[in-house]
Each structure stands twice: as structure tokens, then as C-alpha cells.
C-alpha atoms as a PDB file:
ATOM      1  CA  MET A   1       0.169   8.220 -15.146  1.00  0.00           C
ATOM      2  CA  LEU A   2       0.507   8.666 -11.377  1.00  0.00           C
ATOM      3  CA  LEU A   3      -2.005   5.912 -10.744  1.00  0.00           C
ATOM      4  CA  ASN A   4       0.006   3.505 -12.908  1.00  0.00           C
ATOM      5  CA  ARG A   5       3.159   4.443 -11.012  1.00  0.00           C
ATOM      6  CA  LEU A   6       1.362   3.917  -7.705  1.00  0.00           C
ATOM      7  CA  ARG A   7       0.209   0.458  -8.805  1.00  0.00           C
ATOM      8  CA  ALA A   8       3.704  -0.539  -9.895  1.00  0.00           C
ATOM      9  CA  HIS A   9       5.295   0.754  -6.682  1.00  0.00           C
ATOM     10  CA  LEU A  10       2.734  -1.025  -4.503  1.00  0.00           C
ATOM     11  CA  ARG A  11       3.311  -4.303  -6.331  1.00  0.00           C
ATOM     12  CA  THR A  12       7.100  -3.863  -6.031  1.00  0.00           C
ATOM     13  CA  LEU A  13       6.940  -3.100  -2.310  1.00  0.00           C
ATOM     14  CA  ARG A  14       4.478  -5.890  -1.641  1.00  0.00           C
ATOM     15  CA  THR A  15       6.637  -8.501  -3.377  1.00  0.00           C
ATOM     16  CA  ARG A  16       9.874  -7.071  -1.928  1.00  0.00           C
ATOM     17  CA  HIS A  17       8.462  -7.645   1.557  1.00  0.00           C
ATOM     18  CA  GLU A  18       6.763 -10.936   0.639  1.00  0.00           C
ATOM     19  CA  LEU A  19       3.233  -9.746   1.370  1.00  0.00           C
ATOM     20  CA  THR A  20      -0.002 -10.877  -0.175  1.00  0.00           C
ATOM     21  CA  GLN A  21      -2.548  -8.313  -1.309  1.00  0.00           C
ATOM     22  CA  GLU A  22      -4.676  -9.326   1.659  1.00  0.00           C
ATOM     23  CA  ALA A  23      -1.846  -8.851   4.165  1.00  0.00           C
ATOM     24  CA  LEU A  24      -0.929  -5.426   2.817  1.00  0.00           C
ATOM     25  CA  SER A  25      -4.544  -4.298   2.828  1.00  0.00           C
ATOM     26  CA  GLU A  26      -4.877  -5.372   6.453  1.00  0.00           C
ATOM     27  CA  ILE A  27      -1.776  -3.602   7.739  1.00  0.00           C
ATOM     28  CA  SER A  28      -2.514  -0.461   5.730  1.00  0.00           C
ATOM     29  CA  GLY A  29      -6.124  -0.255   6.900  1.00  0.00           C
ATOM     30  CA  VAL A  30      -7.891  -0.457   3.538  1.00  0.00           C
ATOM     31  CA  SER A  31     -10.308  -3.185   2.550  1.00  0.00           C
ATOM     32  CA  TYR A  32      -8.969  -6.172   0.645  1.00  0.00           C
ATOM     33  CA  LYS A  33     -11.392  -5.683  -2.274  1.00  0.00           C
ATOM     34  CA  PHE A  34     -10.477  -2.000  -2.513  1.00  0.00           C
ATOM     35  CA  TYR A  35      -6.755  -2.816  -2.525  1.00  0.00           C
ATOM     36  CA  GLN A  36      -7.293  -5.442  -5.238  1.00  0.00           C
ATOM     37  CA  ARG A  37      -9.061  -2.875  -7.403  1.00  0.00           C
ATOM     38  CA  ILE A  38      -6.187  -0.415  -6.960  1.00  0.00           C
ATOM     39  CA  GLU A  39      -3.412  -2.859  -7.817  1.00  0.00           C
ATOM     40  CA  ASN A  40      -5.319  -4.588 -10.623  1.00  0.00           C
ATOM     41  CA  ASP A  41      -6.242  -1.351 -12.448  1.00  0.00           C
ATOM     42  CA  GLN A  42      -9.930  -1.629 -11.619  1.00  0.00           C
ATOM     43  CA  SER A  43     -10.193   1.363  -9.289  1.00  0.00           C
ATOM     44  CA  LYS A  44     -11.662   4.761  -9.952  1.00  0.00           C
ATOM     45  CA  ARG A  45      -9.348   7.090 -11.803  1.00  0.00           C
ATOM     46  CA  GLU A  46      -8.761   9.125  -8.632  1.00  0.00           C
ATOM     47  CA  LEU A  47      -7.658   8.194  -5.122  1.00  0.00           C
ATOM     48  CA  LYS A  48      -7.707  10.339  -2.026  1.00  0.00           C
ATOM     49  CA  ILE A  49      -4.313  11.394  -0.713  1.00  0.00           C
ATOM     50  CA  SER A  50      -5.323   9.926   2.660  1.00  0.00           C
ATOM     51  CA  THR A  51      -5.567   6.514   0.966  1.00  0.00           C
ATOM     52  CA  VAL A  52      -2.103   6.902  -0.544  1.00  0.00           C
ATOM     53  CA  GLU A  53      -0.802   7.856   2.912  1.00  0.00           C
ATOM     54  CA  LYS A  54      -2.344   4.691   4.393  1.00  0.00           C
ATOM     55  CA  LEU A  55      -0.719   2.569   1.694  1.00  0.00           C
ATOM     56  CA  ALA A  56       2.701   4.208   2.159  1.00  0.00           C
ATOM     57  CA  ALA A  57       2.775   4.065   5.971  1.00  0.00           C
ATOM     58  CA  PRO A  58       3.458   0.304   6.407  1.00  0.00           C
ATOM     59  CA  PHE A  59       6.734   0.791   4.517  1.00  0.00           C
ATOM     60  CA  GLY A  60       7.840   3.861   6.474  1.00  0.00           C
ATOM     61  CA  LEU A  61       7.225   6.046   3.435  1.00  0.00           C
ATOM     62  CA  GLU A  62       5.405   9.309   2.876  1.00  0.00           C
ATOM     63  CA  ALA A  63       2.732   9.560   0.182  1.00  0.00           C
ATOM     64  CA  TRP A  64       5.013  11.588  -2.107  1.00  0.00           C
ATOM     65  CA  GLN A  65       7.629   8.815  -2.008  1.00  0.00           C
ATOM     66  CA  LEU A  66       5.060   6.278  -3.182  1.00  0.00           C
ATOM     67  CA  LEU A  67       4.169   8.585  -6.086  1.00  0.00           C
ATOM     68  CA  ALA A  68       7.752   9.558  -6.990  1.00  0.00           C
ATOM     69  CA  PRO A  69       9.354   8.233 -10.195  1.00  0.00           C
ATOM     70  CA  GLU A  70      11.715   5.989  -8.200  1.00  0.00           C
ATOM     71  CA  LEU A  71      11.171   4.135  -4.940  1.00  0.00           C
ATOM     72  CA  PRO A  72      13.819   4.367  -2.222  1.00  0.00           C
ATOM     73  CA  ASP A  73      16.157   1.373  -2.407  1.00  0.00           C
ATOM     74  CA  ALA A  74      15.887   0.631   1.287  1.00  0.00           C
ATOM     75  CA  THR A  75      12.393   0.239   2.666  1.00  0.00           C
ATOM     76  CA  ARG A  76      11.319  -1.463   5.826  1.00  0.00           C
ATOM     77  CA  LEU A  77       8.050  -3.031   6.775  1.00  0.00           C
ATOM     78  CA  ILE A  78       6.379  -1.431   9.762  1.00  0.00           C
ATOM     79  CA  ARG A  79       3.529  -3.585  10.973  1.00  0.00           C
ATOM     80  CA  ALA A  80       0.660  -1.351  11.958  1.00  0.00           C
ATOM     81  CA  LYS A  81      -1.785  -2.374  14.623  1.00  0.00           C
ATOM     82  CA  THR A  82      -5.003  -3.513  13.033  1.00  0.00           C
ATOM     83  CA  GLY A  83      -7.204  -2.780  16.018  1.00  0.00           C
ATOM     84  CA  ARG A  84      -8.274  -6.388  16.316  1.00  0.00           C
ATOM     85  CA  LYS A  85      -8.355  -7.894  19.751  1.00  0.00           C
ATOM     86  CA  ARG A  86      -6.319 -11.019  20.247  1.00  0.00           C
ATOM     87  CA  THR A  87      -8.038 -14.010  21.723  1.00  0.00           C
ATOM     88  CA  SER A  88      -6.310 -16.830  23.519  1.00  0.00           C
END
């Protein structure tokens, strides 16, 4: 039940902020394939809380807010540094 809620909330937040699955995976620090499996109901039945924290952080949310029955109405996108070096 919580995993289904997490999937729905991630999809809502991602579309609300006009992000692709790939973009959200990059700014949250999880692999694209792993994120796809989470959102598309192909992941393991359990996720680590540290993963939920990573997925919540780009929206300025705590893990519990991402797992709560209702998402906050106002969320903002916080772009996390990806650790990649920019080249000119």
C-alpha cells in the first residue's frame, strides 16, 4: 500500500514539475533504471528509507511527506548538484 502511494506521489510530483523519469532520477541521485522500476511497479516490494529520502529531497520534502496520504499542495523543485563536472 505504501509503495503504491509512493509511486503515485512520485508520478504526480514529476508531472507537476514537468520532469522526465530520467531528469528526476538524475537530480535525486538514483539510477534511471532503478527509478523506472519504482514508478512502473517493477521494483522489489521494499525500498530503503534512504532511497525515499533521496526521492523526496528534490521537492523540498521529507520522506514521511512522500509517504503520507496527501501531498502538500505547494511543492518546489530544488535542483540538487549531480556531482558532474561541467565542460566548456
